[in-house]
C-alpha atoms as a PDB file:
ATOM      1  CA  UNK A   1      84.608 116.032  88.788  1.00  0.00           C
ATOM      2  CA  UNK A   2      84.689 113.676  85.795  1.00  0.00           C
ATOM      3  CA  UNK A   3      87.785 114.050  83.628  1.00  0.00           C
ATOM      4  CA  UNK A   4      87.570 114.185  79.857  1.00  0.00           C
ATOM      5  CA  UNK A   5      89.403 111.521  77.839  1.00  0.00           C
ATOM      6  CA  UNK A   6      92.189 114.017  77.110  1.00  0.00           C
ATOM      7  CA  UNK A   7      92.553 114.925  80.798  1.00  0.00           C
ATOM      8  CA  UNK A   8      92.497 111.231  81.742  1.00  0.00           C
ATOM      9  CA  UNK A   9      95.347 110.560  79.295  1.00  0.00           C
ATOM     10  CA  UNK A  10      97.309 113.532  80.655  1.00  0.00           C
ATOM     11  CA  UNK A  11      96.699 112.366  84.234  1.00  0.00           C
ATOM     12  CA  UNK A  12      98.011 108.893  83.396  1.00  0.00           C
ATOM     13  CA  UNK A  13     101.144 110.367  81.803  1.00  0.00           C
ATOM     14  CA  UNK A  14     101.792 112.652  84.775  1.00  0.00           C
ATOM     15  CA  UNK A  15     101.186 109.828  87.248  1.00  0.00           C
ATOM     16  CA  UNK A  16     103.515 107.468  85.381  1.00  0.00           C
ATOM     17  CA  UNK A  17     106.340 110.005  85.003  1.00  0.00           C
ATOM     18  CA  UNK A  18     106.181 111.300  88.576  1.00  0.00           C
ATOM     19  CA  UNK A  19     105.966 107.783  89.965  1.00  0.00           C
ATOM     20  CA  UNK A  20     109.031 106.771  87.987  1.00  0.00           C
ATOM     21  CA  UNK A  21     110.941 109.876  89.119  1.00  0.00           C
ATOM     22  CA  UNK A  22     110.182 109.113  92.779  1.00  0.00           C
ATOM     23  CA  UNK A  23     110.966 105.411  92.500  1.00  0.00           C
ATOM     24  CA  UNK A  24     114.210 106.059  90.612  1.00  0.00           C
ATOM     25  CA  UNK A  25     115.298 108.670  93.150  1.00  0.00           C
ATOM     26  CA  UNK A  26     115.206 111.658  90.790  1.00  0.00           C
ATOM     27  CA  UNK A  27     112.734 113.335  93.174  1.00  0.00           C
ATOM     28  CA  UNK A  28     114.079 113.258  96.718  1.00  0.00           C
ATOM     29  CA  UNK A  29     112.281 112.585 100.022  1.00  0.00           C
ATOM     30  CA  UNK A  30     110.576 115.746 101.364  1.00  0.00           C
ATOM     31  CA  UNK A  31     110.900 117.514  98.010  1.00  0.00           C
ATOM     32  CA  UNK A  32     107.902 119.784  97.371  1.00  0.00           C
ATOM     33  CA  UNK A  33     105.862 119.119  94.246  1.00  0.00           C
ATOM     34  CA  UNK A  34     104.638 122.484  92.986  1.00  0.00           C
ATOM     35  CA  UNK A  35     101.247 122.071  91.280  1.00  0.00           C
ATOM     36  CA  UNK A  36     101.606 125.318  89.330  1.00  0.00           C
ATOM     37  CA  UNK A  37     105.021 124.394  87.941  1.00  0.00           C
ATOM     38  CA  UNK A  38     103.827 120.910  87.061  1.00  0.00           C
ATOM     39  CA  UNK A  39     100.771 122.323  85.282  1.00  0.00           C
ATOM     40  CA  UNK A  40     102.972 124.634  83.231  1.00  0.00           C
ATOM     41  CA  UNK A  41     105.429 121.849  82.476  1.00  0.00           C
ATOM     42  CA  UNK A  42     102.704 119.510  81.226  1.00  0.00           C
ATOM     43  CA  UNK A  43     100.708 122.356  79.669  1.00  0.00           C
ATOM     44  CA  UNK A  44      97.507 121.339  81.408  1.00  0.00           C
ATOM     45  CA  UNK A  45      95.138 122.465  84.135  1.00  0.00           C
ATOM     46  CA  UNK A  46      95.764 121.652  87.788  1.00  0.00           C
ATOM     47  CA  UNK A  47      92.978 119.037  87.898  1.00  0.00           C
ATOM     48  CA  UNK A  48      94.937 116.162  86.250  1.00  0.00           C
ATOM     49  CA  UNK A  49      97.968 117.138  88.370  1.00  0.00           C
ATOM     50  CA  UNK A  50      96.004 116.868  91.610  1.00  0.00           C
ATOM     51  CA  UNK A  51      94.412 113.586  90.546  1.00  0.00           C
ATOM     52  CA  UNK A  52      97.809 112.088  89.686  1.00  0.00           C
ATOM     53  CA  UNK A  53      99.282 113.247  93.007  1.00  0.00           C
ATOM     54  CA  UNK A  54      96.293 111.798  94.874  1.00  0.00           C
ATOM     55  CA  UNK A  55      96.966 108.403  93.268  1.00  0.00           C
ATOM     56  CA  UNK A  56     100.618 108.630  94.320  1.00  0.00           C
ATOM     57  CA  UNK A  57      99.482 109.518  97.834  1.00  0.00           C
ATOM     58  CA  UNK A  58      97.387 106.340  97.944  1.00  0.00           C
ATOM     59  CA  UNK A  59     100.532 104.353  97.071  1.00  0.00           C
ATOM     60  CA  UNK A  60     102.515 105.956  99.883  1.00  0.00           C
ATOM     61  CA  UNK A  61     104.838 107.861  97.552  1.00  0.00           C
ATOM     62  CA  UNK A  62     103.456 111.377  98.104  1.00  0.00           C
ATOM     63  CA  UNK A  63     102.359 113.121 101.294  1.00  0.00           C
ATOM     64  CA  UNK A  64      99.562 115.708 101.227  1.00  0.00           C
ATOM     65  CA  UNK A  65      99.988 118.410 103.881  1.00  0.00           C
ATOM     66  CA  UNK A  66      96.994 120.726 104.418  1.00  0.00           C
ATOM     67  CA  UNK A  67      97.782 124.366 103.524  1.00  0.00           C
ATOM     68  CA  UNK A  68     101.318 123.327 102.556  1.00  0.00           C
ATOM     69  CA  UNK A  69     100.992 121.193  99.446  1.00  0.00           C
ATOM     70  CA  UNK A  70     102.343 117.930  98.092  1.00  0.00           C
ATOM     71  CA  UNK A  71     105.693 116.407  99.071  1.00  0.00           C
ATOM     72  CA  UNK A  72     107.646 113.293  98.198  1.00  0.00           C
ATOM     73  CA  UNK A  73     107.081 110.969 101.123  1.00  0.00           C
ATOM     74  CA  UNK A  74     109.920 110.629 103.608  1.00  0.00           C
ATOM     75  CA  UNK A  75     110.549 107.188 105.051  1.00  0.00           C
ATOM     76  CA  UNK A  76     112.149 106.997 108.483  1.00  0.00           C
ATOM     77  CA  UNK A  77     114.938 104.562 109.286  1.00  0.00           C
ATOM     78  CA  UNK A  78     112.462 102.510 111.321  1.00  0.00           C
ATOM     79  CA  UNK A  79     110.014 102.392 108.411  1.00  0.00           C
ATOM     80  CA  UNK A  80     112.820 101.443 106.041  1.00  0.00           C
ATOM     81  CA  UNK A  81     113.856  98.600 108.330  1.00  0.00           C
ATOM     82  CA  UNK A  82     110.224  97.500 108.580  1.00  0.00           C
ATOM     83  CA  UNK A  83     109.934  97.485 104.771  1.00  0.00           C
ATOM     84  CA  UNK A  84     112.885  95.124 104.518  1.00  0.00           C
ATOM     85  CA  UNK A  85     111.259  92.880 107.129  1.00  0.00           C
ATOM     86  CA  UNK A  86     108.045  92.834 105.089  1.00  0.00           C
ATOM     87  CA  UNK A  87     110.063  92.091 101.961  1.00  0.00           C
ATOM     88  CA  UNK A  88     111.713  89.133 103.689  1.00  0.00           C
ATOM     89  CA  UNK A  89     108.342  87.760 104.798  1.00  0.00           C
ATOM     90  CA  UNK A  90     106.856  88.073 101.297  1.00  0.00           C
ATOM     91  CA  UNK A  91     109.907  86.747  99.441  1.00  0.00           C
ATOM     92  CA  UNK A  92     110.200  83.778 101.809  1.00  0.00           C
ATOM     93  CA  UNK A  93     106.541  82.871 101.276  1.00  0.00           C
ATOM     94  CA  UNK A  94     106.913  83.307  97.505  1.00  0.00           C
ATOM     95  CA  UNK A  95     109.968  81.129  97.000  1.00  0.00           C
ATOM     96  CA  UNK A  96     108.780  78.369  99.340  1.00  0.00           C
ATOM     97  CA  UNK A  97     105.633  78.048  97.251  1.00  0.00           C
ATOM     98  CA  UNK A  98     107.323  78.616  93.900  1.00  0.00           C
ATOM     99  CA  UNK A  99     109.984  75.945  94.284  1.00  0.00           C
ATOM    100  CA  UNK A 100     107.419  73.167  93.765  1.00  0.00           C
ATOM    101  CA  UNK A 101     105.154  75.029  91.343  1.00  0.00           C
ATOM    102  CA  UNK A 102     107.425  76.932  88.998  1.00  0.00           C
ATOM    103  CA  UNK A 103     107.323  75.724  85.388  1.00  0.00           C
ATOM    104  CA  UNK A 104     110.334  75.186  83.105  1.00  0.00           C
ATOM    105  CA  UNK A 105     109.090  78.119  81.026  1.00  0.00           C
ATOM    106  CA  UNK A 106     109.044  80.404  84.074  1.00  0.00           C
ATOM    107  CA  UNK A 107     112.560  79.318  85.027  1.00  0.00           C
ATOM    108  CA  UNK A 108     113.764  80.166  81.535  1.00  0.00           C
ATOM    109  CA  UNK A 109     112.068  83.562  81.838  1.00  0.00           C
ATOM    110  CA  UNK A 110     113.989  84.194  85.060  1.00  0.00           C
ATOM    111  CA  UNK A 111     117.230  83.274  83.310  1.00  0.00           C
ATOM    112  CA  UNK A 112     116.335  85.534  80.392  1.00  0.00           C
ATOM    113  CA  UNK A 113     115.568  88.518  82.626  1.00  0.00           C
ATOM    114  CA  UNK A 114     118.732  87.981  84.615  1.00  0.00           C
ATOM    115  CA  UNK A 115     121.345  89.214  82.164  1.00  0.00           C
ATOM    116  CA  UNK A 116     124.000  90.854  84.345  1.00  0.00           C
ATOM    117  CA  UNK A 117     124.561  94.537  85.061  1.00  0.00           C
ATOM    118  CA  UNK A 118     127.341  97.081  84.835  1.00  0.00           C
ATOM    119  CA  UNK A 119     128.095 100.232  86.827  1.00  0.00           C
ATOM    120  CA  UNK A 120     125.973 102.467  84.589  1.00  0.00           C
ATOM    121  CA  UNK A 121     122.782 100.420  84.342  1.00  0.00           C
ATOM    122  CA  UNK A 122     120.945 101.466  87.528  1.00  0.00           C
ATOM    123  CA  UNK A 123     117.595 102.043  85.812  1.00  0.00           C
ATOM    124  CA  UNK A 124     117.690  98.646  84.114  1.00  0.00           C
ATOM    125  CA  UNK A 125     118.852  97.010  87.339  1.00  0.00           C
ATOM    126  CA  UNK A 126     115.861  98.343  89.296  1.00  0.00           C
ATOM    127  CA  UNK A 127     113.358  97.287  86.625  1.00  0.00           C
ATOM    128  CA  UNK A 128     114.820  93.825  86.044  1.00  0.00           C
ATOM    129  CA  UNK A 129     115.413  93.087  89.725  1.00  0.00           C
ATOM    130  CA  UNK A 130     111.769  93.925  90.475  1.00  0.00           C
ATOM    131  CA  UNK A 131     110.599  91.741  87.588  1.00  0.00           C
ATOM    132  CA  UNK A 132     112.864  88.868  88.671  1.00  0.00           C
ATOM    133  CA  UNK A 133     111.417  88.725  92.189  1.00  0.00           C
ATOM    134  CA  UNK A 134     107.837  89.292  91.040  1.00  0.00           C
ATOM    135  CA  UNK A 135     108.203  86.410  88.568  1.00  0.00           C
ATOM    136  CA  UNK A 136     109.108  84.139  91.465  1.00  0.00           C
ATOM    137  CA  UNK A 137     106.050  85.377  93.360  1.00  0.00           C
ATOM    138  CA  UNK A 138     103.912  84.789  90.265  1.00  0.00           C
ATOM    139  CA  UNK A 139     105.188  81.216  90.117  1.00  0.00           C
ATOM    140  CA  UNK A 140     103.784  80.740  93.617  1.00  0.00           C
ATOM    141  CA  UNK A 141     100.317  81.065  92.104  1.00  0.00           C
ATOM    142  CA  UNK A 142      99.245  83.919  94.397  1.00  0.00           C
ATOM    143  CA  UNK A 143      98.543  87.123  92.459  1.00  0.00           C
ATOM    144  CA  UNK A 144      97.988  89.172  95.628  1.00  0.00           C
ATOM    145  CA  UNK A 145     101.479  88.211  96.726  1.00  0.00           C
ATOM    146  CA  UNK A 146     102.832  89.499  93.394  1.00  0.00           C
ATOM    147  CA  UNK A 147     101.101  92.867  93.860  1.00  0.00           C
ATOM    148  CA  UNK A 148     102.209  93.279  97.477  1.00  0.00           C
ATOM    149  CA  UNK A 149     105.819  92.386  96.704  1.00  0.00           C
ATOM    150  CA  UNK A 150     105.887  94.730  93.715  1.00  0.00           C
ATOM    151  CA  UNK A 151     104.735  97.620  95.890  1.00  0.00           C
ATOM    152  CA  UNK A 152     107.437  96.899  98.489  1.00  0.00           C
ATOM    153  CA  UNK A 153     110.092  96.866  95.747  1.00  0.00           C
ATOM    154  CA  UNK A 154     108.763 100.199  94.457  1.00  0.00           C
ATOM    155  CA  UNK A 155     108.991 101.768  97.912  1.00  0.00           C
ATOM    156  CA  UNK A 156     112.546 100.485  98.384  1.00  0.00           C
ATOM    157  CA  UNK A 157     113.777 101.374  94.896  1.00  0.00           C
ATOM    158  CA  UNK A 158     114.630 104.997  95.677  1.00  0.00           C
ATOM    159  CA  UNK A 159     117.108 103.854  98.314  1.00  0.00           C
ATOM    160  CA  UNK A 160     118.806 101.207  96.195  1.00  0.00           C
ATOM    161  CA  UNK A 161     120.902 103.765  94.316  1.00  0.00           C
ATOM    162  CA  UNK A 162     122.917 104.216  97.525  1.00  0.00           C
ATOM    163  CA  UNK A 163     124.295 100.681  97.289  1.00  0.00           C
ATOM    164  CA  UNK A 164     123.842  99.854  93.611  1.00  0.00           C
ATOM    165  CA  UNK A 165     127.536  99.598  92.720  1.00  0.00           C
ATOM    166  CA  UNK A 166     128.312  97.622  95.863  1.00  0.00           C
ATOM    167  CA  UNK A 167     125.528  95.050  95.574  1.00  0.00           C
ATOM    168  CA  UNK A 168     125.173  94.608  91.827  1.00  0.00           C
ATOM    169  CA  UNK A 169     127.975  92.054  91.398  1.00  0.00           C
ATOM    170  CA  UNK A 170     127.038  89.964  94.461  1.00  0.00           C
ATOM    171  CA  UNK A 171     123.408  90.073  93.398  1.00  0.00           C
ATOM    172  CA  UNK A 172     124.339  88.617  90.008  1.00  0.00           C
ATOM    173  CA  UNK A 173     125.725  85.641  91.913  1.00  0.00           C
ATOM    174  CA  UNK A 174     122.712  85.229  94.215  1.00  0.00           C
ATOM    175  CA  UNK A 175     120.263  85.444  91.305  1.00  0.00           C
ATOM    176  CA  UNK A 176     122.207  82.724  89.518  1.00  0.00           C
ATOM    177  CA  UNK A 177     122.076  80.597  92.701  1.00  0.00           C
ATOM    178  CA  UNK A 178     118.323  81.141  92.995  1.00  0.00           C
ATOM    179  CA  UNK A 179     117.767  80.025  89.400  1.00  0.00           C
ATOM    180  CA  UNK A 180     119.954  76.954  89.888  1.00  0.00           C
ATOM    181  CA  UNK A 181     118.110  76.013  93.097  1.00  0.00           C
ATOM    182  CA  UNK A 182     114.703  76.423  91.449  1.00  0.00           C
ATOM    183  CA  UNK A 183     115.784  74.237  88.526  1.00  0.00           C
ATOM    184  CA  UNK A 184     116.852  71.564  91.023  1.00  0.00           C
ATOM    185  CA  UNK A 185     113.671  72.008  93.106  1.00  0.00           C
ATOM    186  CA  UNK A 186     115.991  72.543  96.071  1.00  0.00           C
ATOM    187  CA  UNK A 187     113.857  74.478  98.566  1.00  0.00           C
ATOM    188  CA  UNK A 188     116.613  74.834 101.169  1.00  0.00           C
ATOM    189  CA  UNK A 189     119.146  76.262  98.721  1.00  0.00           C
ATOM    190  CA  UNK A 190     116.593  78.588  97.137  1.00  0.00           C
ATOM    191  CA  UNK A 191     115.531  79.978 100.513  1.00  0.00           C
ATOM    192  CA  UNK A 192     119.131  80.417 101.643  1.00  0.00           C
ATOM    193  CA  UNK A 193     120.065  82.293  98.457  1.00  0.00           C
ATOM    194  CA  UNK A 194     117.135  84.692  98.574  1.00  0.00           C
ATOM    195  CA  UNK A 195     117.623  85.420 102.284  1.00  0.00           C
ATOM    196  CA  UNK A 196     121.315  86.102 101.673  1.00  0.00           C
ATOM    197  CA  UNK A 197     120.386  88.673  99.025  1.00  0.00           C
ATOM    198  CA  UNK A 198     117.682  90.406 101.074  1.00  0.00           C
ATOM    199  CA  UNK A 199     119.693  90.629 104.282  1.00  0.00           C
ATOM    200  CA  UNK A 200     122.900  91.779 102.610  1.00  0.00           C
ATOM    201  CA  UNK A 201     120.988  94.468 100.712  1.00  0.00           C
ATOM    202  CA  UNK A 202     119.189  95.561 103.894  1.00  0.00           C
ATOM    203  CA  UNK A 203     122.446  95.907 105.817  1.00  0.00           C
ATOM    204  CA  UNK A 204     124.134  97.857 102.998  1.00  0.00           C
ATOM    205  CA  UNK A 205     121.158 100.215 102.562  1.00  0.00           C
ATOM    206  CA  UNK A 206     120.687 100.998 106.247  1.00  0.00           C
ATOM    207  CA  UNK A 207     124.402 101.614 106.728  1.00  0.00           C
ATOM    208  CA  UNK A 208     124.629 103.930 103.721  1.00  0.00           C
ATOM    209  CA  UNK A 209     121.450 105.816 104.624  1.00  0.00           C
ATOM    210  CA  UNK A 210     122.978 106.731 107.964  1.00  0.00           C
ATOM    211  CA  UNK A 211     126.347 107.496 106.387  1.00  0.00           C
ATOM    212  CA  UNK A 212     125.294 109.458 103.306  1.00  0.00           C
ATOM    213  CA  UNK A 213     121.997 111.042 104.369  1.00  0.00           C
ATOM    214  CA  UNK A 214     122.314 111.167 108.141  1.00  0.00           C
ATOM    215  CA  UNK A 215     121.319 114.820 108.511  1.00  0.00           C
ATOM    216  CA  UNK A 216     118.089 114.412 106.567  1.00  0.00           C
ATOM    217  CA  UNK A 217     117.143 111.331 108.632  1.00  0.00           C
ATOM    218  CA  UNK A 218     117.357 113.103 112.003  1.00  0.00           C
ATOM    219  CA  UNK A 219     114.330 112.757 114.281  1.00  0.00           C
ATOM    220  CA  UNK A 220     112.059 115.794 113.952  1.00  0.00           C
ATOM    221  CA  UNK A 221     110.557 117.704 116.850  1.00  0.00           C
ATOM    222  CA  UNK A 222     107.057 116.234 117.267  1.00  0.00           C
ATOM    223  CA  UNK A 223     105.460 119.618 118.007  1.00  0.00           C
ATOM    224  CA  UNK A 224     107.167 121.941 115.494  1.00  0.00           C
ATOM    225  CA  UNK A 225     108.028 119.400 112.789  1.00  0.00           C
ATOM    226  CA  UNK A 226     111.468 121.041 112.555  1.00  0.00           C
ATOM    227  CA  UNK A 227     114.807 119.291 112.502  1.00  0.00           C
ATOM    228  CA  UNK A 228     117.072 119.704 115.516  1.00  0.00           C
ATOM    229  CA  UNK A 229     119.788 122.361 115.106  1.00  0.00           C
ATOM    230  CA  UNK A 230     122.733 120.540 113.544  1.00  0.00           C
ATOM    231  CA  UNK A 231     125.008 123.537 113.462  1.00  0.00           C
ATOM    232  CA  UNK A 232     124.710 123.804 109.697  1.00  0.00           C
ATOM    233  CA  UNK A 233     126.204 120.361 109.153  1.00  0.00           C
ATOM    234  CA  UNK A 234     124.903 118.270 106.284  1.00  0.00           C
END
């Protein structure tokens, strides 16, 4: 079915707002997305809603379950660990290429985007941290690398709120070290700084996921799809 221009605009708005809500953690893993409620909220038919949710499914943010509906995608601890491994691979490739290719203008853009954070600026932190790392990837000259890294940051963003206050101050320091190393064309220092950031963040996130959301990360029965009986503990 071909959407009208109005429906296409509505679909884009719904897609953008739902995507942001998932990435920012406002919509939680496994949360059901009710098409009827969304249609009433946006005062539209269900067609743009379904199209927007299908796009989010293609990005790995929404799961479509036959006869059940649409749900915010749940990432297992193993998948989360794998995402951090992919991030390390991509960031390592990006900075090794960028250190010799980055322009003075791009370095100044990194310094401009890095402006420090406080305890209440989670939304800005997520946006600027993503832009900071994607700018480094862009300086590598590989646009596919930029797109892949951006998607990994989007998938990880909903877990970063767990460690935001703990990592924000140390990340300020590592970003400053990365900028200094890039200015000096010091490949070893740049690589060391970016690996320190990625690995520290990974360790903090995985530890807090198990600590704060342990019950919701339990292994599900492969046949029933149900969680094991935890005696009501959450």
